[in-house]
Amino acid sequence: MTTANSTIHVVQPSTSTLRTSDKNRLIGQPRFHFEPNKVMELLRSQIIGQDHALNEIEKMLHVVKADFSSPERPLAVTLMLGPTGVGKTETVRLIAQAIYGQPDAFCRIDMNTLAQEHYAAALTGAPPGYVGSKEGHSLFDETAINGSHTRPGIMLFDELEKASPEVIRGLMNVLDTGKLTLTAGTKTIDFRNCMIFMTSNIGAQAAQQYLDKLNVLPQKIQNLCLKRVPTKTIIEKVMQRKFDPEFLNRIDRTLHYQAVLEDALPRLVEIELEKLNKRLQHQNRNIQLSLKAKEYFYKDHDIRYGARHLARKIRTELEPILAIYFLNHPEKNHLELDYQGGHFKIIEMN
């Protein structure tokens, strides 16, 4: 029986009353109701310049949908590498959006909060004899991890490299068997119906330093060097120094997200504008930006800070202007903004 908790469903022990003929009819039919093509349509509309990584995610989603993965492991284990602001965490949010209808319908653990060894208890629960050991508490949202019979759970370990070695070792059994028994031994969390994602920007700084050194060379030599030693190789060497082979061998896919290129910036501004207008829809409002206003947000943008910096710039520079205007003119619903003489100019629309 499946019970609903908001939009996420918890798997309970089966008490199915299907007749034998009904069960036979369902044999061979995928139990997961999400459509990989629909998920990828959303991902490709929002994640720009990461074609190779998205192609690998598409393969993973089809395997999950086909439902012949090992019953003794998580449905999939995916590590996403790359610099900040390139869409790693956003990829997981969009997958949750496509499958559950909510972008926060997954369990996320910020590994930066588990940088000290003594914080490992927050992940696995307090050991016997310590306060809280009998309650079996941990950081995990079991509802999001369990998913349901028709939808997979989603788990995200964010900024993996920030966690202590003790925490990383604690994850190895999760990736290998799909189960985590809390330290007190009172409860076991089941990840076998769950897609596990991990993000890290490990090696991104070393890769950027490598590119900076190559930038002083002629373009032909740069291309030759990148062909012989691509940035992927630099990142993987740093990753192998950080994580034990036993841990890396438990990862199904390692995806390399690329730095945001300048030609992707106009589309990223459009995406952020679409998000803003979607929020304004609740007030029956919308805005437009002139070409010069759009250029302001991506011109001279430092690509090292990725798409997140663009979103922050819109949030801190554009949204206050809109807020003040709408508060002073509550009857206005449609605006266009231009950028002239170093300032935004509001053009009222009927």
Protein backbone atom coordinates (compact mmCIF):
# COMPACT_ATOMS: atom_id res chain seq x y z
CA MET A 1 0.00 0.00 0.00
CA THR A 2 1.29 3.47 -0.79
CA THR A 3 0.56 6.43 1.42
CA ALA A 4 0.99 10.00 0.24
CA ASN A 5 3.01 12.62 2.06
CA SER A 6 2.65 15.89 0.17
CA THR A 7 3.85 15.04 -3.35
CA ILE A 8 6.32 12.37 -2.25
CA HIS A 9 5.14 8.80 -1.65
CA VAL A 10 6.42 6.42 0.99
CA VAL A 11 6.71 2.74 0.13
CA GLN A 12 4.93 0.51 2.66
CA PRO A 13 4.95 -3.32 2.75
CA SER A 14 2.87 -4.63 -0.12
CA THR A 15 -0.60 -5.98 0.55
CA SER A 16 -1.56 -6.23 -3.12
CA THR A 17 -4.86 -7.92 -3.97
CA LEU A 18 -4.30 -8.03 -7.74
CA ARG A 19 -5.71 -11.15 -9.41
CA THR A 20 -3.21 -13.43 -11.14
CA SER A 21 -4.52 -12.34 -14.56
CA ASP A 22 -3.95 -8.67 -13.64
CA LYS A 23 -0.40 -9.40 -12.46
CA ASN A 24 0.39 -11.30 -15.67
CA ARG A 25 -0.87 -8.35 -17.69
CA LEU A 26 1.53 -6.04 -15.84
CA ILE A 27 4.60 -8.23 -16.37
CA GLY A 28 7.04 -6.42 -18.62
CA GLN A 29 5.41 -3.04 -18.02
CA PRO A 30 7.72 -0.44 -16.42
CA ARG A 31 6.64 0.34 -12.87
CA PHE A 32 8.11 3.84 -12.93
CA HIS A 33 5.67 6.32 -14.43
CA PHE A 34 8.08 9.14 -15.29
CA GLU A 35 9.08 9.63 -18.93
CA PRO A 36 12.86 10.05 -19.50
CA ASN A 37 12.23 12.10 -22.65
CA LYS A 38 10.06 14.56 -20.72
CA VAL A 39 12.71 14.87 -18.00
CA MET A 40 15.40 15.50 -20.59
CA GLU A 41 13.27 18.08 -22.39
CA LEU A 42 13.17 20.12 -19.18
CA LEU A 43 16.88 19.58 -18.46
CA ARG A 44 18.00 20.63 -21.93
CA SER A 45 15.88 23.77 -21.80
CA GLN A 46 17.48 24.92 -18.54
CA ILE A 47 21.00 23.44 -18.39
CA ILE A 48 23.08 25.13 -21.09
CA GLY A 49 26.39 23.95 -22.55
CA GLN A 50 26.50 20.55 -20.82
CA ASP A 51 25.50 18.25 -23.67
CA HIS A 52 27.82 15.37 -22.80
CA ALA A 53 26.76 15.28 -19.14
CA LEU A 54 23.07 15.44 -20.06
CA ASN A 55 23.48 12.63 -22.59
CA GLU A 56 24.86 10.42 -19.81
CA ILE A 57 21.99 11.37 -17.51
CA GLU A 58 19.55 10.45 -20.28
CA LYS A 59 21.12 6.98 -20.49
CA MET A 60 20.89 6.61 -16.71
CA LEU A 61 17.20 7.60 -16.64
CA HIS A 62 16.34 5.04 -19.31
CA VAL A 63 18.08 2.28 -17.33
CA VAL A 64 16.18 3.31 -14.18
CA LYS A 65 12.91 3.38 -16.11
CA ALA A 66 13.56 -0.10 -17.55
CA ASP A 67 13.87 -1.33 -13.95
CA PHE A 68 16.33 -4.19 -14.25
CA SER A 69 19.03 -2.68 -12.02
CA SER A 70 20.54 -4.80 -9.26
CA PRO A 71 18.04 -5.14 -6.41
CA GLU A 72 20.89 -4.93 -3.90
CA ARG A 73 22.18 -1.48 -4.88
CA PRO A 74 20.78 2.03 -5.39
CA LEU A 75 19.08 2.51 -8.76
CA ALA A 76 22.00 4.69 -9.91
CA VAL A 77 25.02 6.43 -8.39
CA THR A 78 26.18 9.54 -10.27
CA LEU A 79 29.04 11.89 -9.43
CA MET A 80 28.90 15.32 -11.09
CA LEU A 81 32.16 17.26 -11.26
CA GLY A 82 32.77 20.82 -12.37
CA PRO A 83 33.28 24.42 -11.23
CA THR A 84 30.70 26.35 -9.28
CA GLY A 85 27.56 27.64 -10.98
CA VAL A 86 27.51 25.31 -14.00
CA GLY A 87 24.28 23.47 -13.21
CA LYS A 88 25.21 20.39 -11.14
CA THR A 89 22.78 20.91 -8.27
CA GLU A 90 20.25 22.48 -10.61
CA THR A 91 20.25 19.25 -12.63
CA VAL A 92 19.00 17.33 -9.60
CA ARG A 93 16.38 19.98 -8.83
CA LEU A 94 15.06 19.79 -12.38
CA ILE A 95 14.90 15.98 -12.28
CA ALA A 96 12.85 16.25 -9.09
CA GLN A 97 10.66 18.88 -10.75
CA ALA A 98 10.02 16.64 -13.76
CA ILE A 99 9.29 13.49 -11.73
CA TYR A 100 7.48 14.90 -8.69
CA GLY A 101 6.29 18.33 -9.81
CA GLN A 102 8.36 20.02 -7.09
CA PRO A 103 12.02 21.06 -7.39
CA ASP A 104 12.70 20.32 -3.71
CA ALA A 105 11.29 16.78 -3.73
CA PHE A 106 14.60 15.17 -2.87
CA CYS A 107 16.83 14.63 0.15
CA ARG A 108 19.83 16.98 0.10
CA ILE A 109 22.75 16.84 2.49
CA ASP A 110 25.31 19.65 2.34
CA MET A 111 28.55 17.80 2.97
CA ASN A 112 30.19 21.08 3.94
CA THR A 113 28.37 20.71 7.27
CA LEU A 114 30.10 17.35 7.84
CA ALA A 115 33.68 18.56 7.52
CA GLN A 116 34.67 17.39 11.01
CA GLU A 117 34.89 13.71 11.91
CA HIS A 118 32.72 14.09 14.99
CA TYR A 119 29.87 15.27 12.75
CA ALA A 120 29.63 11.79 11.22
CA ALA A 121 27.03 10.98 13.91
CA ALA A 122 24.72 13.52 12.25
CA LEU A 123 24.72 11.26 9.20
CA THR A 124 24.49 7.86 10.83
CA GLY A 125 22.82 8.74 14.14
CA ALA A 126 24.22 8.79 17.64
CA PRO A 127 26.11 5.66 18.77
CA PRO A 128 24.77 3.52 21.63
CA GLY A 129 25.01 5.21 25.02
CA TYR A 130 24.83 8.74 23.61
CA VAL A 131 21.89 11.11 23.80
CA GLY A 132 19.47 10.44 20.95
CA SER A 133 20.76 6.96 20.14
CA LYS A 134 17.42 5.28 20.85
CA GLU A 135 15.47 7.67 18.67
CA GLY A 136 17.42 6.70 15.55
CA HIS A 137 17.61 10.26 14.24
CA SER A 138 19.82 11.23 11.28
CA LEU A 139 19.96 13.90 8.60
CA PHE A 140 18.20 11.72 6.04
CA ASP A 141 14.68 12.44 4.78
CA GLU A 142 13.47 8.86 4.41
CA THR A 143 10.32 9.89 2.57
CA ALA A 144 12.33 11.48 -0.26
CA ILE A 145 14.78 8.57 -0.30
CA ASN A 146 12.12 5.84 -0.43
CA GLY A 147 10.19 7.35 -3.31
CA SER A 148 7.35 4.99 -4.23
CA HIS A 149 6.61 1.97 -6.36
CA THR A 150 5.94 4.25 -9.32
CA ARG A 151 8.55 6.95 -8.73
CA PRO A 152 12.20 6.65 -7.68
CA GLY A 153 13.58 8.42 -4.63
CA ILE A 154 16.22 11.09 -5.16
CA MET A 155 19.24 11.70 -2.90
CA LEU A 156 21.85 14.46 -3.29
CA PHE A 157 25.16 14.66 -1.45
CA ASP A 158 26.28 18.21 -2.26
CA GLU A 159 29.94 19.34 -2.24
CA LEU A 160 31.21 15.85 -1.55
CA GLU A 161 34.86 16.87 -1.19
CA LYS A 162 34.05 18.92 1.91
CA ALA A 163 33.04 15.90 4.01
CA SER A 164 35.49 14.25 6.40
CA PRO A 165 37.09 10.90 5.41
CA GLU A 166 35.03 9.26 8.16
CA VAL A 167 31.81 10.43 6.51
CA ILE A 168 32.99 9.28 3.07
CA ARG A 169 33.74 5.84 4.47
CA GLY A 170 30.27 5.78 5.96
CA LEU A 171 28.82 6.30 2.48
CA MET A 172 30.65 3.37 0.92
CA ASN A 173 28.20 0.81 2.27
CA VAL A 174 25.28 2.92 1.03
CA LEU A 175 26.66 2.94 -2.51
CA ASP A 176 27.53 -0.75 -2.40
CA THR A 177 24.47 -2.33 -0.74
CA GLY A 178 21.86 0.43 -0.85
CA LYS A 179 21.42 0.31 2.91
CA LEU A 180 22.61 2.36 5.87
CA THR A 181 22.20 0.98 9.37
CA LEU A 182 22.27 3.75 11.94
CA THR A 183 25.04 3.51 14.51
CA ALA A 184 22.64 2.56 17.32
CA GLY A 185 21.47 -0.39 15.25
CA THR A 186 17.84 0.58 15.73
CA LYS A 187 17.00 1.43 12.14
CA THR A 188 18.15 0.77 8.59
CA ILE A 189 17.58 3.33 5.82
CA ASP A 190 16.92 1.75 2.43
CA PHE A 191 18.35 3.45 -0.70
CA ARG A 192 17.59 0.64 -3.16
CA ASN A 193 14.67 2.51 -4.73
CA CYS A 194 16.72 5.71 -4.95
CA MET A 195 18.86 7.56 -7.49
CA ILE A 196 21.92 8.91 -5.68
CA PHE A 197 23.64 12.05 -6.98
CA MET A 198 26.85 13.60 -5.66
CA THR A 199 28.37 16.92 -6.66
CA SER A 200 31.89 18.22 -6.27
CA ASN A 201 34.05 21.01 -7.66
CA ILE A 202 37.20 19.12 -6.73
CA GLY A 203 39.95 19.75 -9.26
CA ALA A 204 38.15 22.75 -10.76
CA GLN A 205 40.70 25.20 -9.38
CA ALA A 206 43.62 23.11 -10.65
CA ALA A 207 41.96 22.86 -14.06
CA GLN A 208 41.46 26.65 -14.20
CA GLN A 209 45.11 27.26 -13.27
CA TYR A 210 46.11 24.90 -16.07
CA LEU A 211 43.96 26.83 -18.55
CA ASP A 212 45.38 30.16 -17.32
CA LYS A 213 48.90 28.93 -18.04
CA LEU A 214 47.90 27.78 -21.51
CA ASN A 215 46.31 31.15 -22.30
CA VAL A 216 49.74 32.77 -22.77
CA LEU A 217 50.54 30.31 -25.58
CA PRO A 218 49.47 30.54 -29.24
CA GLN A 219 46.06 29.01 -29.94
CA LYS A 220 47.45 26.09 -31.94
CA ILE A 221 49.74 25.08 -29.10
CA GLN A 222 46.90 25.48 -26.61
CA ASN A 223 44.76 23.10 -28.64
CA LEU A 224 47.61 20.60 -28.87
CA CYS A 225 48.19 20.70 -25.11
CA LEU A 226 44.47 20.29 -24.36
CA LYS A 227 44.33 17.33 -26.74
CA ARG A 228 47.21 15.62 -24.98
CA VAL A 229 46.20 16.60 -21.44
CA PRO A 230 42.54 17.69 -21.29
CA THR A 231 41.18 19.41 -18.20
CA LYS A 232 39.27 16.20 -17.47
CA THR A 233 42.59 14.48 -16.80
CA ILE A 234 43.66 17.21 -14.36
CA ILE A 235 40.39 16.92 -12.45
CA GLU A 236 40.51 13.13 -12.30
CA LYS A 237 44.06 13.16 -10.90
CA VAL A 238 43.00 15.50 -8.09
CA MET A 239 39.92 13.36 -7.47
CA GLN A 240 41.98 10.18 -7.21
CA ARG A 241 44.25 11.82 -4.64
CA LYS A 242 41.23 12.85 -2.57
CA PHE A 243 39.10 9.69 -2.67
CA ASP A 244 40.09 6.06 -2.18
CA PRO A 245 39.73 3.66 -5.14
CA GLU A 246 37.25 1.63 -3.06
CA PHE A 247 34.94 4.64 -2.96
CA LEU A 248 35.36 5.62 -6.63
CA ASN A 249 34.68 2.05 -7.76
CA ARG A 250 31.20 2.27 -6.26
CA ILE A 251 30.21 5.17 -8.55
CA ASP A 252 28.36 4.25 -11.75
CA ARG A 253 28.91 7.47 -13.69
CA THR A 254 31.29 10.39 -13.30
CA LEU A 255 30.09 13.40 -15.29
CA HIS A 256 32.25 16.42 -16.11
CA TYR A 257 30.37 19.72 -16.28
CA GLN A 258 32.19 22.37 -18.29
CA ALA A 259 32.78 26.00 -17.35
CA VAL A 260 30.08 28.33 -18.69
CA LEU A 261 31.20 29.76 -22.02
CA GLU A 262 30.52 33.33 -23.10
CA ASP A 263 28.23 32.32 -25.96
CA ALA A 264 25.91 30.67 -23.40
CA LEU A 265 25.45 33.84 -21.34
CA PRO A 266 22.58 35.41 -23.36
CA ARG A 267 20.52 32.22 -23.04
CA LEU A 268 21.25 32.03 -19.29
CA VAL A 269 19.94 35.58 -18.85
CA GLU A 270 16.79 34.58 -20.73
CA ILE A 271 16.32 31.60 -18.41
CA GLU A 272 16.64 33.79 -15.31
CA LEU A 273 14.18 36.27 -16.81
CA GLU A 274 11.72 33.42 -17.46
CA LYS A 275 12.02 32.34 -13.82
CA LEU A 276 11.39 35.89 -12.63
CA ASN A 277 8.32 36.26 -14.83
CA LYS A 278 7.01 32.92 -13.60
CA ARG A 279 7.15 34.27 -10.04
CA LEU A 280 5.49 37.51 -11.14
CA GLN A 281 2.64 35.56 -12.73
CA HIS A 282 1.15 35.08 -9.27
CA GLN A 283 0.54 38.85 -9.25
CA ASN A 284 -0.60 38.92 -12.89
CA ARG A 285 2.55 40.83 -13.78
CA ASN A 286 5.39 40.42 -16.23
CA ILE A 287 8.44 42.36 -17.36
CA GLN A 288 10.55 42.64 -20.48
CA LEU A 289 14.17 43.69 -20.89
CA SER A 290 15.54 45.54 -23.87
CA LEU A 291 18.58 44.14 -25.64
CA LYS A 292 20.82 46.68 -23.87
CA ALA A 293 19.34 45.75 -20.49
CA LYS A 294 20.02 42.07 -21.15
CA GLU A 295 23.55 42.85 -22.29
CA TYR A 296 24.20 44.67 -19.03
CA PHE A 297 23.78 41.44 -17.08
CA TYR A 298 26.16 39.31 -19.13
CA LYS A 299 28.61 41.88 -20.50
CA ASP A 300 32.03 41.59 -18.84
CA HIS A 301 30.73 38.61 -16.85
CA ASP A 302 33.48 36.53 -15.24
CA ILE A 303 32.76 33.00 -16.46
CA ARG A 304 34.60 31.54 -13.45
CA TYR A 305 31.52 32.30 -11.35
CA GLY A 306 29.11 30.52 -13.66
CA ALA A 307 25.37 31.01 -14.01
CA ARG A 308 24.83 31.50 -10.29
CA HIS A 309 26.54 34.90 -10.46
CA LEU A 310 24.16 36.01 -13.22
CA ALA A 311 21.19 35.03 -11.10
CA ARG A 312 22.61 36.92 -8.13
CA LYS A 313 23.16 40.02 -10.24
CA ILE A 314 19.55 39.99 -11.41
CA ARG A 315 18.36 39.36 -7.86
CA THR A 316 20.34 42.22 -6.29
CA GLU A 317 20.21 44.82 -9.07
CA LEU A 318 17.00 44.27 -11.02
CA GLU A 319 14.55 42.97 -8.45
CA PRO A 320 14.89 45.95 -6.04
CA ILE A 321 14.01 48.33 -8.90
CA LEU A 322 10.93 46.28 -9.72
CA ALA A 323 9.91 45.98 -6.07
CA ILE A 324 10.04 49.73 -5.46
CA TYR A 325 8.15 50.48 -8.66
CA PHE A 326 5.37 47.95 -8.06
CA LEU A 327 4.96 49.04 -4.45
CA ASN A 328 4.59 52.67 -5.56
CA HIS A 329 2.41 51.79 -8.54
CA PRO A 330 0.32 48.75 -7.54
CA GLU A 331 -1.96 49.23 -10.53
CA LYS A 332 0.87 48.61 -13.02
CA ASN A 333 1.33 45.08 -14.30
CA HIS A 334 3.51 45.22 -17.40
CA LEU A 335 6.91 46.88 -17.65
CA GLU A 336 9.84 47.08 -20.00
CA LEU A 337 13.28 48.07 -18.76
CA ASP A 338 16.00 49.65 -20.84
CA TYR A 339 19.58 50.43 -19.84
CA GLN A 340 20.78 53.93 -20.72
CA GLY A 341 23.59 56.09 -19.40
CA GLY A 342 24.57 53.60 -16.71
CA HIS A 343 21.03 53.32 -15.30
CA PHE A 344 17.91 51.25 -15.82
CA LYS A 345 14.99 53.15 -17.31
CA ILE A 346 11.44 51.91 -16.79
CA ILE A 347 9.10 52.04 -19.80
CA GLU A 348 5.45 51.56 -18.86
CA MET A 349 3.40 49.28 -21.08
CA ASN A 350 -0.35 49.12 -21.51
